[in-house]
Structures are given as C-alpha cells and as structure tokens.
C-alpha cells in the first residue's frame, strides 16, 4: 500500500491495517468522496473489497482513513506452512500468494484503485 502512496504504519503482529488516504483528498473530493464512509462505500462498489470507515474507530469523518482486516485465509493452514519455513526467515511474496491469495488480491485491487487517482 505504501507503494501506492497510501500512508500506513507497518503492522507488528496485528491482522489489520489502518491506512490514511489523506494524500488523495483533493482527488477523492473531486469524485464526491468527502468522508471515510463515502470512501469505503466507493471502494466496495468499485473494487469489491469491503473495508470499515475510520470514523467507526475514532477518526474524524473527513480524515479519509479506513480499517482493512486481512483475515480471509485459513489461519491454521497458513501457520502450519509457516512453521516449515526455517528460523527467522521472512515469508516471501510467493508464500503469501499461495496461502493468503484472497488478501493479496484484495490489497492489489485497493492499490490499483488508489493509484488510478494519481
């Protein structure tokens, strides 16, 4: 998401991201998107990816932030596969595509949509 220009902190063990689309505010406003609810509704309609508005988590509605939970995968299967990866080896993109394909695809759709604003 950072490559798409989205402001997002790197997670440290959580299963969600909390991206800010403030960088895109002018472009979003030009498309009639003024609140985080507007943003989430448009993302769902145009990408098929459901996210929750930042306003549901204490942000101001105009902040244009959302919460993305990346939980659409078989956690037990994924953990079993990860245990087979040696030591402190970082899991590669191929691993994520194989075991968390829906999540990778969804994030890709969100990023493509946001990049289209640039």
Foldseek 3Di string as FASTA:
>chain_A
DVVLVWDWDDDDPAQKIKIWPVVLLVLCVVVVQQFQVSVQVVCCVQQVAHWAGCVVVPDDRRRNITMGGQDPFDPVVLVVVVVPDDDPDDDDPVSCCVTRVVSVSSVVSVSVVSSVSD
